[in-house]
Protein backbone atom coordinates (compact mmCIF):
# COMPACT_ATOMS: atom_id res chain seq x y z
CA MET A 1 115.24 111.40 115.08
CA SER A 2 111.87 110.61 113.58
CA SER A 3 109.66 107.60 114.11
CA SER A 4 110.45 104.90 111.63
CA LEU A 5 108.59 101.83 110.44
CA PRO A 6 111.10 100.46 107.95
CA CYS A 7 110.70 97.97 105.20
CA ALA A 8 110.80 95.41 106.95
CA TRP A 9 112.10 95.47 110.48
CA ALA A 10 109.03 96.78 112.21
CA ALA A 11 105.30 96.38 112.49
CA PRO A 12 102.83 96.32 110.78
CA ILE A 13 103.33 92.65 110.09
CA LEU A 14 101.79 89.50 108.66
CA PRO A 15 103.19 86.00 108.25
CA SER A 16 106.14 86.71 106.09
CA SER A 17 108.89 85.54 103.86
CA SER A 18 112.53 86.43 104.19
CA SER A 19 111.82 89.99 103.15
CA SER A 20 110.82 90.58 106.75
CA ARG A 21 114.48 90.52 107.67
CA VAL A 22 115.97 93.55 106.01
CA LEU A 23 116.14 97.18 106.94
CA TYR A 24 116.03 98.88 103.60
CA SER A 25 117.74 102.23 103.94
CA ASN A 26 116.55 105.45 102.37
CA PRO A 27 119.46 106.82 100.31
CA THR A 28 118.81 110.30 101.66
CA ALA A 29 118.62 109.25 105.30
CA ARG A 30 122.22 110.21 106.02
CA GLU A 31 121.91 113.51 104.23
CA ASN A 32 118.78 114.52 106.11
CA ALA A 33 120.06 113.08 109.41
CA LYS A 34 116.63 111.72 110.26
CA PRO A 35 115.12 108.41 109.14
CA LYS A 36 111.56 108.55 107.95
CA ARG A 37 108.52 106.61 109.06
CA ARG A 38 108.05 103.50 106.96
CA ILE A 39 105.82 100.50 106.75
CA SER A 40 107.11 96.97 106.94
CA CYS A 41 107.21 94.68 103.93
CA ASN A 42 106.01 91.22 104.89
CA THR A 43 104.59 88.93 102.24
CA LYS A 44 101.77 86.44 102.36
CA ASN A 45 100.37 84.12 99.77
CA ASP A 46 96.76 84.03 98.69
CA ASN A 47 95.57 81.74 101.47
CA GLN A 48 97.47 83.79 104.06
CA ASN A 49 99.70 80.92 105.10
CA PRO A 50 103.29 81.92 105.65
CA LYS A 51 105.78 80.98 102.99
CA SER A 52 109.03 79.42 104.03
CA SER A 53 111.68 82.02 104.57
CA HIS A 54 113.93 79.96 102.35
CA ASP A 55 111.54 79.86 99.39
CA SER A 56 113.09 81.22 96.24
CA GLN A 57 111.57 84.51 95.18
CA GLY A 58 112.32 86.96 92.45
CA ASN A 59 113.36 90.53 92.99
CA ASN A 60 110.84 93.36 93.27
CA THR A 61 108.24 91.07 94.80
CA PHE A 62 104.99 92.85 95.64
CA ASP A 63 103.30 91.97 98.88
CA ARG A 64 99.95 92.60 100.50
CA ARG A 65 99.20 92.91 104.16
CA ASP A 66 96.73 94.53 106.53
CA VAL A 67 97.65 97.29 108.95
CA LEU A 68 95.78 97.94 112.16
CA ILE A 69 96.10 101.38 113.68
CA GLY A 70 95.05 101.31 117.27
CA LEU A 71 96.72 98.69 119.43
CA GLY A 72 100.05 100.41 119.85
CA GLY A 73 99.83 102.56 116.75
CA LEU A 74 100.65 100.23 113.86
CA TYR A 75 100.92 96.48 114.09
CA GLY A 76 100.23 93.32 112.12
CA ALA A 77 96.70 92.07 111.77
CA ALA A 78 97.53 88.40 111.35
CA SER A 79 96.78 87.30 114.89
CA SER A 80 93.32 88.85 114.99
CA ILE A 81 92.23 88.56 111.37
CA ASN A 82 93.42 85.12 110.32
CA PRO A 83 95.24 83.18 113.05
CA LEU A 84 96.89 79.89 112.22
CA GLU A 85 96.62 76.88 114.49
CA SER A 86 98.78 77.41 117.55
CA SER A 87 99.01 76.38 121.18
CA ALA A 88 99.79 77.93 124.53
CA ALA A 89 103.23 76.27 124.49
CA PRO A 90 106.24 78.59 124.21
CA ILE A 91 108.55 78.64 121.23
CA PRO A 92 111.00 75.76 121.82
CA PRO A 93 114.75 76.37 122.01
CA PRO A 94 116.72 75.87 118.81
CA GLU A 95 118.45 72.62 117.98
CA LEU A 96 121.99 73.98 118.01
CA ASN A 97 123.33 71.18 115.80
CA ASN A 98 120.62 71.84 113.22
CA CYS A 99 121.57 75.30 111.97
CA ARG A 100 120.98 76.15 108.32
CA THR A 101 122.05 78.92 105.98
CA ALA A 102 120.58 82.27 107.02
CA THR A 103 118.84 84.35 104.39
CA ASN A 104 118.63 88.00 103.49
CA ILE A 105 115.88 89.76 101.55
CA ASN A 106 113.92 87.63 99.05
CA GLY A 107 115.49 84.42 100.30
CA GLN A 108 119.03 85.15 99.18
CA PRO A 109 121.72 83.63 101.47
CA VAL A 110 123.76 85.95 103.63
CA PRO A 111 127.45 86.17 102.56
CA TYR A 112 128.78 84.03 105.44
CA SER A 113 127.66 81.38 107.91
CA CYS A 114 125.87 82.64 111.01
CA CYS A 115 125.91 79.25 112.75
CA PRO A 116 127.93 78.95 115.98
CA PRO A 117 130.55 76.27 116.63
CA ILE A 118 128.84 73.00 117.53
CA ASN A 119 129.07 72.17 121.22
CA ASN A 120 126.94 69.36 122.61
CA ARG A 121 127.70 70.31 126.21
CA ILE A 122 124.85 72.49 127.45
CA VAL A 123 125.45 74.47 130.63
CA ASP A 124 122.51 75.72 132.68
CA ILE A 125 122.97 79.35 133.66
CA ARG A 126 122.47 80.07 137.33
CA LEU A 127 122.50 83.70 138.34
CA PRO A 128 124.29 84.48 141.61
CA ALA A 129 122.02 84.89 144.62
CA ARG A 130 123.52 88.28 145.48
CA PRO A 131 125.16 89.68 142.37
CA VAL A 132 127.44 92.68 142.38
CA ILE A 133 125.42 95.34 140.59
CA ARG A 134 127.10 96.64 137.46
CA THR A 135 126.00 100.16 136.47
CA ARG A 136 125.73 100.82 132.76
CA PRO A 137 126.93 104.39 132.13
CA ALA A 138 125.41 106.83 129.67
CA ALA A 139 127.94 106.90 126.83
CA HIS A 140 128.03 110.68 126.57
CA LEU A 141 128.91 110.98 130.28
CA ALA A 142 131.59 108.25 130.33
CA ASN A 143 135.07 109.38 131.38
CA ALA A 144 138.35 108.71 129.59
CA GLU A 145 139.30 105.82 131.89
CA TYR A 146 136.06 103.99 131.19
CA ILE A 147 136.35 104.54 127.44
CA SER A 148 139.88 103.15 127.52
CA ARG A 149 138.74 99.99 129.35
CA PHE A 150 135.81 99.55 126.98
CA ASN A 151 138.08 99.84 123.93
CA LEU A 152 140.52 97.35 125.47
CA ALA A 153 137.78 94.81 126.18
CA LEU A 154 136.34 95.18 122.68
CA GLN A 155 139.76 94.79 121.07
CA ARG A 156 140.48 91.64 123.07
CA MET A 157 137.14 90.23 121.94
CA ARG A 158 138.08 91.02 118.33
CA ASP A 159 141.48 89.35 118.80
CA LEU A 160 139.95 86.02 119.79
CA PRO A 161 139.98 83.38 117.01
CA ASP A 162 136.74 83.12 115.06
CA SER A 163 136.28 79.58 116.35
CA ASP A 164 135.98 80.91 119.92
CA PRO A 165 132.28 81.42 120.79
CA ARG A 166 133.28 84.53 122.76
CA SER A 167 134.85 86.19 119.71
CA PHE A 168 133.32 89.35 118.29
CA MET A 169 132.42 87.54 115.07
CA GLN A 170 130.56 84.77 116.88
CA GLN A 171 128.78 87.23 119.14
CA ALA A 172 127.73 89.32 116.13
CA ASN A 173 126.42 86.19 114.42
CA VAL A 174 124.00 85.53 117.28
CA HIS A 175 121.75 88.26 115.92
CA CYS A 176 121.95 86.80 112.43
CA ALA A 177 121.17 83.23 113.54
CA TYR A 178 118.04 84.12 115.51
CA CYS A 179 116.75 86.75 113.11
CA ASN A 180 117.48 85.44 109.62
CA GLY A 181 116.02 81.97 109.62
CA ALA A 182 119.04 79.88 110.63
CA TYR A 183 117.09 78.05 113.34
CA THR A 184 113.84 76.12 113.03
CA TYR A 185 111.84 73.70 115.16
CA PRO A 186 109.55 70.74 114.30
CA SER A 187 106.00 71.92 113.65
CA GLY A 188 104.50 68.66 114.86
CA THR A 189 102.88 68.13 111.47
CA GLY A 190 104.85 65.76 109.28
CA SER A 191 108.32 66.91 108.39
CA GLN A 192 107.47 70.61 108.32
CA ARG A 193 109.69 72.89 110.37
CA LEU A 194 108.88 76.41 111.50
CA GLU A 195 111.32 79.28 111.70
CA ILE A 196 112.40 80.87 114.97
CA GLN A 197 112.29 84.67 114.92
CA VAL A 198 112.86 86.89 117.97
CA HIS A 199 111.72 90.16 116.40
CA ASN A 200 108.25 91.59 115.83
CA CYS A 201 106.80 89.79 118.85
CA TRP A 202 107.03 89.60 122.62
CA LEU A 203 110.41 87.82 122.45
CA PHE A 204 112.09 91.03 121.30
CA PHE A 205 112.85 92.56 124.70
CA PRO A 206 113.84 89.43 126.67
CA SER A 207 115.93 87.92 123.87
CA HIS A 208 117.96 91.09 123.38
CA ARG A 209 118.30 91.53 127.14
CA TRP A 210 119.98 88.14 127.48
CA TYR A 211 122.03 88.76 124.34
CA LEU A 212 123.49 91.92 125.89
CA TYR A 213 123.92 90.24 129.27
CA PHE A 214 126.33 87.64 127.89
CA PHE A 215 128.09 90.14 125.61
CA GLU A 216 128.67 92.37 128.62
CA ARG A 217 129.92 89.52 130.81
CA ILE A 218 132.36 88.39 128.11
CA LEU A 219 133.79 91.91 127.85
CA GLY A 220 134.25 92.07 131.62
CA SER A 221 135.96 88.68 131.74
CA LEU A 222 138.43 89.70 129.03
CA ILE A 223 139.72 92.58 131.18
CA ASN A 224 139.33 90.72 134.50
CA ASP A 225 136.68 93.14 135.73
CA PRO A 226 133.41 91.52 136.91
CA THR A 227 131.96 94.98 137.57
CA PHE A 228 132.36 96.14 133.97
CA ALA A 229 129.11 97.25 132.31
CA MET A 230 128.19 98.18 128.76
CA PRO A 231 127.55 101.86 127.97
CA TYR A 232 124.11 102.86 126.78
CA TRP A 233 123.50 105.37 124.01
CA ASN A 234 121.05 107.84 125.53
CA TRP A 235 119.59 108.93 122.19
CA ASP A 236 116.09 109.57 123.59
CA SER A 237 117.33 112.34 125.89
CA PRO A 238 119.96 114.48 124.16
CA PRO A 239 121.70 117.08 126.35
CA ASP A 240 120.28 119.80 124.13
CA ASN A 241 118.40 120.24 120.88
CA ASN A 242 120.41 123.14 119.52
CA LEU A 243 121.23 121.28 116.31
CA ASN A 244 117.57 120.58 115.52
CA PRO A 245 114.96 123.05 114.28
CA THR A 246 112.30 123.65 116.91
CA GLU A 247 109.66 121.74 114.96
CA THR A 248 111.90 118.69 114.61
CA ALA A 249 112.68 118.72 118.33
CA LEU A 250 108.96 118.92 119.16
CA ASN A 251 108.17 116.12 116.69
CA ASN A 252 110.83 113.89 118.22
CA CYS A 253 109.64 114.51 121.76
CA ALA A 254 106.02 113.76 120.81
CA ILE A 255 106.99 110.64 118.87
CA MET A 256 108.84 109.27 121.91
CA HIS A 257 105.87 110.07 124.16
CA ASN A 258 103.49 108.32 121.77
CA GLU A 259 105.47 105.10 121.49
CA MET A 260 106.37 104.89 125.17
CA ILE A 261 103.14 106.08 126.82
CA ARG A 262 100.18 107.15 124.70
CA ASN A 263 100.27 104.28 122.20
CA ALA A 264 101.10 101.58 124.74
CA ASN A 265 97.86 101.14 126.65
CA LEU A 266 98.35 97.40 127.08
CA LEU A 267 101.44 95.42 127.99
CA GLU A 268 101.35 93.72 124.58
CA ASP A 269 101.22 97.10 122.87
CA PHE A 270 104.66 97.87 124.25
CA MET A 271 106.24 94.41 124.55
CA GLY A 272 104.94 92.97 121.27
CA ARG A 273 102.29 90.46 120.26
CA PRO A 274 102.23 86.87 121.59
CA TYR A 275 104.37 84.36 119.71
CA ARG A 276 103.86 80.72 120.69
CA ARG A 277 104.63 77.30 119.30
CA GLY A 278 102.90 76.88 115.96
CA ASP A 279 102.37 80.60 115.41
CA PRO A 280 103.54 82.28 112.20
CA ILE A 281 106.58 84.48 112.72
CA ASN A 282 106.22 88.24 113.11
CA PRO A 283 102.80 88.48 114.81
CA GLY A 284 103.46 92.14 115.62
CA ALA A 285 106.11 94.40 117.10
CA GLY A 286 105.59 96.55 120.15
CA THR A 287 105.51 100.32 119.90
CA HIS A 288 109.16 100.82 120.84
CA GLU A 289 110.57 98.07 118.64
CA ALA A 290 108.58 99.43 115.70
CA GLY A 291 109.42 103.04 116.45
CA SER A 292 112.62 104.68 117.66
CA HIS A 293 114.46 101.36 118.02
CA THR A 294 114.11 100.79 114.30
CA ALA A 295 114.69 104.44 113.40
CA ILE A 296 118.15 104.19 114.97
CA HIS A 297 118.93 101.03 113.03
CA ILE A 298 117.96 102.72 109.78
CA TRP A 299 119.88 105.90 110.59
CA GLY A 300 122.98 103.90 111.52
CA GLY A 301 122.91 101.70 108.42
CA ASP A 302 125.07 102.61 105.44
CA PRO A 303 122.86 103.70 102.49
CA ARG A 304 125.74 102.85 100.14
CA GLN A 305 125.45 99.17 101.02
CA PRO A 306 123.01 96.91 99.15
CA THR A 307 120.66 96.38 102.11
CA GLY A 308 121.71 98.89 104.74
CA GLU A 309 124.61 96.96 106.27
CA ASP A 310 125.81 96.91 109.01
CA LEU A 311 123.37 98.40 111.52
CA GLY A 312 120.50 98.57 109.05
CA ASN A 313 120.10 94.83 108.47
CA PHE A 314 119.29 91.93 110.78
CA TYR A 315 122.12 89.66 109.72
CA SER A 316 124.86 92.30 109.97
CA ALA A 317 123.66 94.60 112.78
CA GLY A 318 125.75 92.87 115.44
CA ARG A 319 128.96 93.64 113.54
CA ASP A 320 128.65 97.32 114.50
CA PRO A 321 129.69 97.97 118.14
CA LEU A 322 127.07 100.72 118.16
CA PHE A 323 124.44 97.95 118.09
CA TYR A 324 125.20 97.00 121.68
CA ALA A 325 125.12 100.56 123.03
CA HIS A 326 121.88 101.12 121.12
CA HIS A 327 120.26 98.00 122.55
CA ALA A 328 121.49 98.84 126.03
CA ASN A 329 119.30 101.94 125.74
CA VAL A 330 116.45 99.84 124.32
CA ASP A 331 116.80 97.62 127.39
CA ARG A 332 116.68 100.71 129.58
CA MET A 333 113.40 101.72 127.89
CA GLN A 334 111.86 98.52 129.16
CA LEU A 335 112.66 99.58 132.72
CA VAL A 336 111.25 103.05 132.13
CA ARG A 337 107.95 101.72 130.80
CA VAL A 338 107.28 98.22 132.18
CA ARG A 339 106.89 97.04 135.77
CA VAL A 340 109.69 94.84 137.05
CA GLY A 341 107.26 91.96 137.56
CA ASP A 342 106.39 91.96 133.87
CA SER A 343 109.87 90.99 132.74
CA VAL A 344 113.15 89.50 133.88
CA ASP A 345 114.39 91.65 136.77
CA ASN A 346 117.58 93.41 135.70
CA LEU A 347 118.78 93.62 139.31
CA ILE A 348 118.63 89.83 139.61
CA MET A 349 120.79 89.76 136.50
CA GLY A 350 123.23 92.08 138.25
CA TYR A 351 123.04 95.38 136.39
CA ASN A 352 121.41 98.77 136.48
CA PHE A 353 121.65 102.06 134.57
CA GLN A 354 123.17 105.42 135.37
CA THR A 355 120.43 107.90 136.23
CA LEU A 356 122.42 110.84 137.62
CA GLY A 357 122.44 113.62 135.04
CA ILE A 358 119.86 111.87 132.84
CA ASN A 359 116.53 113.50 132.02
CA ILE A 360 113.50 111.94 130.30
CA PRO A 361 111.91 114.93 128.54
CA TRP A 362 109.43 112.93 126.45
CA VAL A 363 107.34 111.98 129.49
CA GLY A 364 105.72 115.42 129.35
CA CYS A 365 105.41 115.68 125.55
CA ARG A 366 101.83 114.48 125.14
CA PRO A 367 100.51 115.85 121.82
CA ARG A 368 97.59 118.27 121.93
CA ALA A 369 94.72 118.54 119.49
CA ARG A 370 94.69 121.74 117.50
CA VAL A 371 90.90 121.58 117.14
CA THR A 372 88.50 119.64 119.35
CA GLY A 373 84.80 118.91 119.13
CA THR A 374 82.42 117.06 116.85
CA ARG A 375 82.68 117.03 113.09
CA ALA A 376 79.68 119.36 112.85
CA GLY A 377 82.01 122.31 113.27
CA ARG A 378 84.81 121.07 111.02
CA THR A 379 85.85 122.88 107.87
CA VAL A 380 87.74 120.07 106.11
CA GLU A 381 85.74 117.28 104.51
CA GLY A 382 86.36 114.25 102.32
CA PRO A 383 84.37 111.76 100.26
CA LYS A 384 82.29 109.08 101.92
CA LEU A 385 83.98 105.69 102.11
CA GLU A 386 81.45 104.10 99.77
CA ALA A 387 82.32 106.68 97.11
CA VAL A 388 86.01 105.72 97.06
CA GLU A 389 87.08 103.08 94.56
CA PHE A 390 89.50 100.42 95.81
CA PRO A 391 92.25 99.33 95.22
CA LEU A 392 93.50 102.88 95.64
CA LYS A 393 96.97 104.04 94.61
CA LEU A 394 98.54 106.47 97.09
CA ASP A 395 100.12 108.88 94.64
CA LYS A 396 98.63 111.93 96.38
CA VAL A 397 97.10 112.88 99.72
CA VAL A 398 93.89 110.90 100.22
CA LYS A 399 91.06 111.95 102.52
CA VAL A 400 88.09 109.70 103.26
CA LEU A 401 85.25 109.74 105.79
CA VAL A 402 85.24 106.36 107.54
CA PRO A 403 82.03 105.35 109.40
CA ARG A 404 82.22 104.20 113.02
CA PRO A 405 80.09 101.12 113.79
CA LYS A 406 79.87 102.18 117.44
CA LYS A 407 80.07 105.57 119.10
CA SER A 408 79.91 107.01 122.62
CA ARG A 409 81.21 103.75 124.07
CA SER A 410 81.27 103.30 127.84
CA GLU A 411 84.50 102.82 129.79
CA GLU A 412 83.57 99.16 130.30
CA GLU A 413 83.21 98.69 126.54
CA LYS A 414 86.57 100.36 125.96
CA ASP A 415 88.20 98.04 128.49
CA LYS A 416 86.88 94.98 126.65
CA GLU A 417 87.89 95.98 123.14
CA GLU A 418 89.84 98.71 121.39
CA GLU A 419 88.59 100.70 118.44
CA VAL A 420 90.93 100.06 115.54
CA LEU A 421 91.39 101.52 112.08
CA LEU A 422 92.12 98.73 109.59
CA ILE A 423 93.92 99.60 106.35
CA SER A 424 93.76 96.39 104.36
CA ASP A 425 95.63 94.80 101.44
CA ILE A 426 98.51 97.26 101.36
CA GLU A 427 100.68 96.49 98.35
CA VAL A 428 104.27 97.68 98.06
CA ASP A 429 107.48 96.74 96.34
CA THR A 430 109.64 94.96 98.92
CA GLU A 431 112.83 96.24 97.28
CA LYS A 432 111.87 99.93 97.53
CA PHE A 433 111.77 102.52 100.29
CA VAL A 434 108.11 103.16 101.14
CA LYS A 435 106.38 105.41 103.61
CA PHE A 436 102.97 106.87 104.34
CA ASP A 437 101.60 108.71 107.35
CA VAL A 438 98.08 108.59 108.76
CA PHE A 439 96.20 111.49 110.32
CA VAL A 440 92.72 111.56 111.87
CA ASP A 441 90.51 114.65 111.65
CA GLU A 442 93.41 116.80 110.45
CA GLU A 443 91.97 120.28 109.84
CA GLU A 444 94.96 122.35 108.78
CA ASN A 445 96.48 120.13 106.08
CA ASP A 446 99.83 120.59 107.82
CA TYR A 447 101.55 117.22 107.53
CA ALA A 448 105.03 118.31 108.62
CA LYS A 449 104.09 118.84 112.26
CA LEU A 450 103.72 115.55 114.14
CA ALA A 451 103.50 116.93 117.69
CA LYS A 452 99.71 116.96 117.59
CA THR A 453 96.92 114.55 118.42
CA GLU A 454 95.77 114.37 114.80
CA TYR A 455 98.94 112.42 113.93
CA THR A 456 97.73 108.89 114.52
CA GLY A 457 98.76 107.01 117.60
CA THR A 458 96.45 104.81 119.63
CA PHE A 459 93.18 105.23 117.81
CA ALA A 460 90.65 104.99 120.65
CA GLN A 461 92.76 107.30 122.84
CA GLN A 462 93.02 109.68 119.92
CA LEU A 463 89.24 109.99 119.56
CA GLU A 464 88.99 111.00 123.21
CA ASP A 465 91.74 113.60 122.81
CA LEU A 466 90.05 115.02 119.73
CA GLY A 467 86.64 115.11 121.41
CA VAL A 468 84.90 113.19 118.59
CA GLU A 469 83.76 110.02 120.39
CA ASP A 470 80.13 110.86 119.58
CA ASP A 471 80.76 111.27 115.85
CA ASP A 472 79.32 108.83 113.32
CA GLU A 473 82.44 109.01 111.17
CA ILE A 474 85.99 110.28 111.26
CA LEU A 475 88.10 111.89 108.55
CA VAL A 476 91.13 109.74 107.75
CA THR A 477 93.99 111.33 105.79
CA LEU A 478 96.68 109.19 104.16
CA VAL A 479 99.81 111.12 103.23
CA PRO A 480 102.23 109.30 100.87
CA ARG A 481 105.87 110.13 101.58
CA ALA A 482 107.87 107.78 99.35
CA GLY A 483 107.48 104.73 97.14
CA ASP A 484 104.57 103.17 95.27
CA ILE A 485 101.77 102.11 97.60
CA THR A 486 98.31 100.71 96.87
CA ILE A 487 95.67 100.01 99.52
CA GLY A 488 92.67 97.72 99.27
CA GLY A 489 90.33 99.25 101.83
CA ILE A 490 89.79 101.18 105.07
CA LYS A 491 87.36 100.45 107.89
CA ILE A 492 86.97 100.53 111.65
CA VAL A 493 86.92 97.25 113.57
CA TYR A 494 87.05 96.27 117.24
CA SER A 495 89.82 94.17 118.74
CA PRO A 496 89.54 92.38 122.11
CA SER A 497 91.88 93.90 124.68
CA ASN A 498 92.85 90.47 126.11
CA GLN A 499 93.93 92.11 129.36
């Protein structure tokens, strides 16, 4: 499994149109058995205001956006570069009787309605004071009896009429409704309504946690077993790596370490960027949502389908039972990385995860720099930034020396703001598979090996690991992997840590 930033499920992100809701599969992903790192495709108009996700757009729309490399690796620059008016109020709940047609890429309607049956009777959920703890088993360790009960519960859910909100179809449509523009809320300005989106922001983890909670409880009720728990797909800790070449196994381990530990210095880095009432959608995904979470969606999507259905597209992902086992593991990642007090306590919700027989190898896979020290001793050089003409088409490997406005910063300065590499005005075709990788001070021109510090993660942390904090400039290498990409500029900026 390789880190993946697909077009357009993951960060980096700007206020976007409906193209932010498709996982566009690489036709060779199945053949190579590993999805590739990609950048997201989120459009903005000239004044950087978000277009309605239901605006009509033609095919092969080109978009521009900025990418920040630093706060959690790659994420959208909208919130720090050009924020819209917003408030501290949370995103309001949807008006359930005001559900519209959900849209796929470029504003096209999805092939069926994602809206649930209308029910004006709202029931407040009260968790039991002392719940019986359900233990979610690792799927590869589940016994035959458990698998039989799981299959029975799933079949009974499928057998329910489509009009039943507990049916598999209605449960699958939950993901479509909250991810493909079916729900909006009043903006407070005239008749304008703003879309509700639970991805690419800090709603990602809690929204999917509750989604799985109710899915799991429905399954248990259908087989009269209140202790029944969903299995989780333990894809981050395979029992062995015998099927993978050594380099691939090392890359995977380092990628997991980067997204879970090294690139997630702040809570927002991991959980996702703030998303409040009045904010544009998709302010920025956390490291895990943008990384292995999305890689699995891409890998599981069918490249023969128009837009990666089922698992590879927002609207259809819930139709694949694998989605729920995948997100059970995503939910587990939150427990591995985030303190209980930072999120909804899973024990209060009555479930936990099997730990016996489960290892977490990526904890110890911190990448190491191949060469350390100042640039004075480096053998690989590149042109000065001022000598590079922008816009620049990435049709070959590009190296450029980017000046650092500040160097040798104190720990107090680092706590106040993070050093960030800004790649601006990236232009891609939203209908095409695109990918480029970023390396800092890469000496050996070896772009296949990712288990090294030079492969960009958290930028400020990376400079410490490389031993180049006193340098006036750093060598940035952009390696195109697939698709037509044009960039408008590169520079280093400083972003407040906010924590």
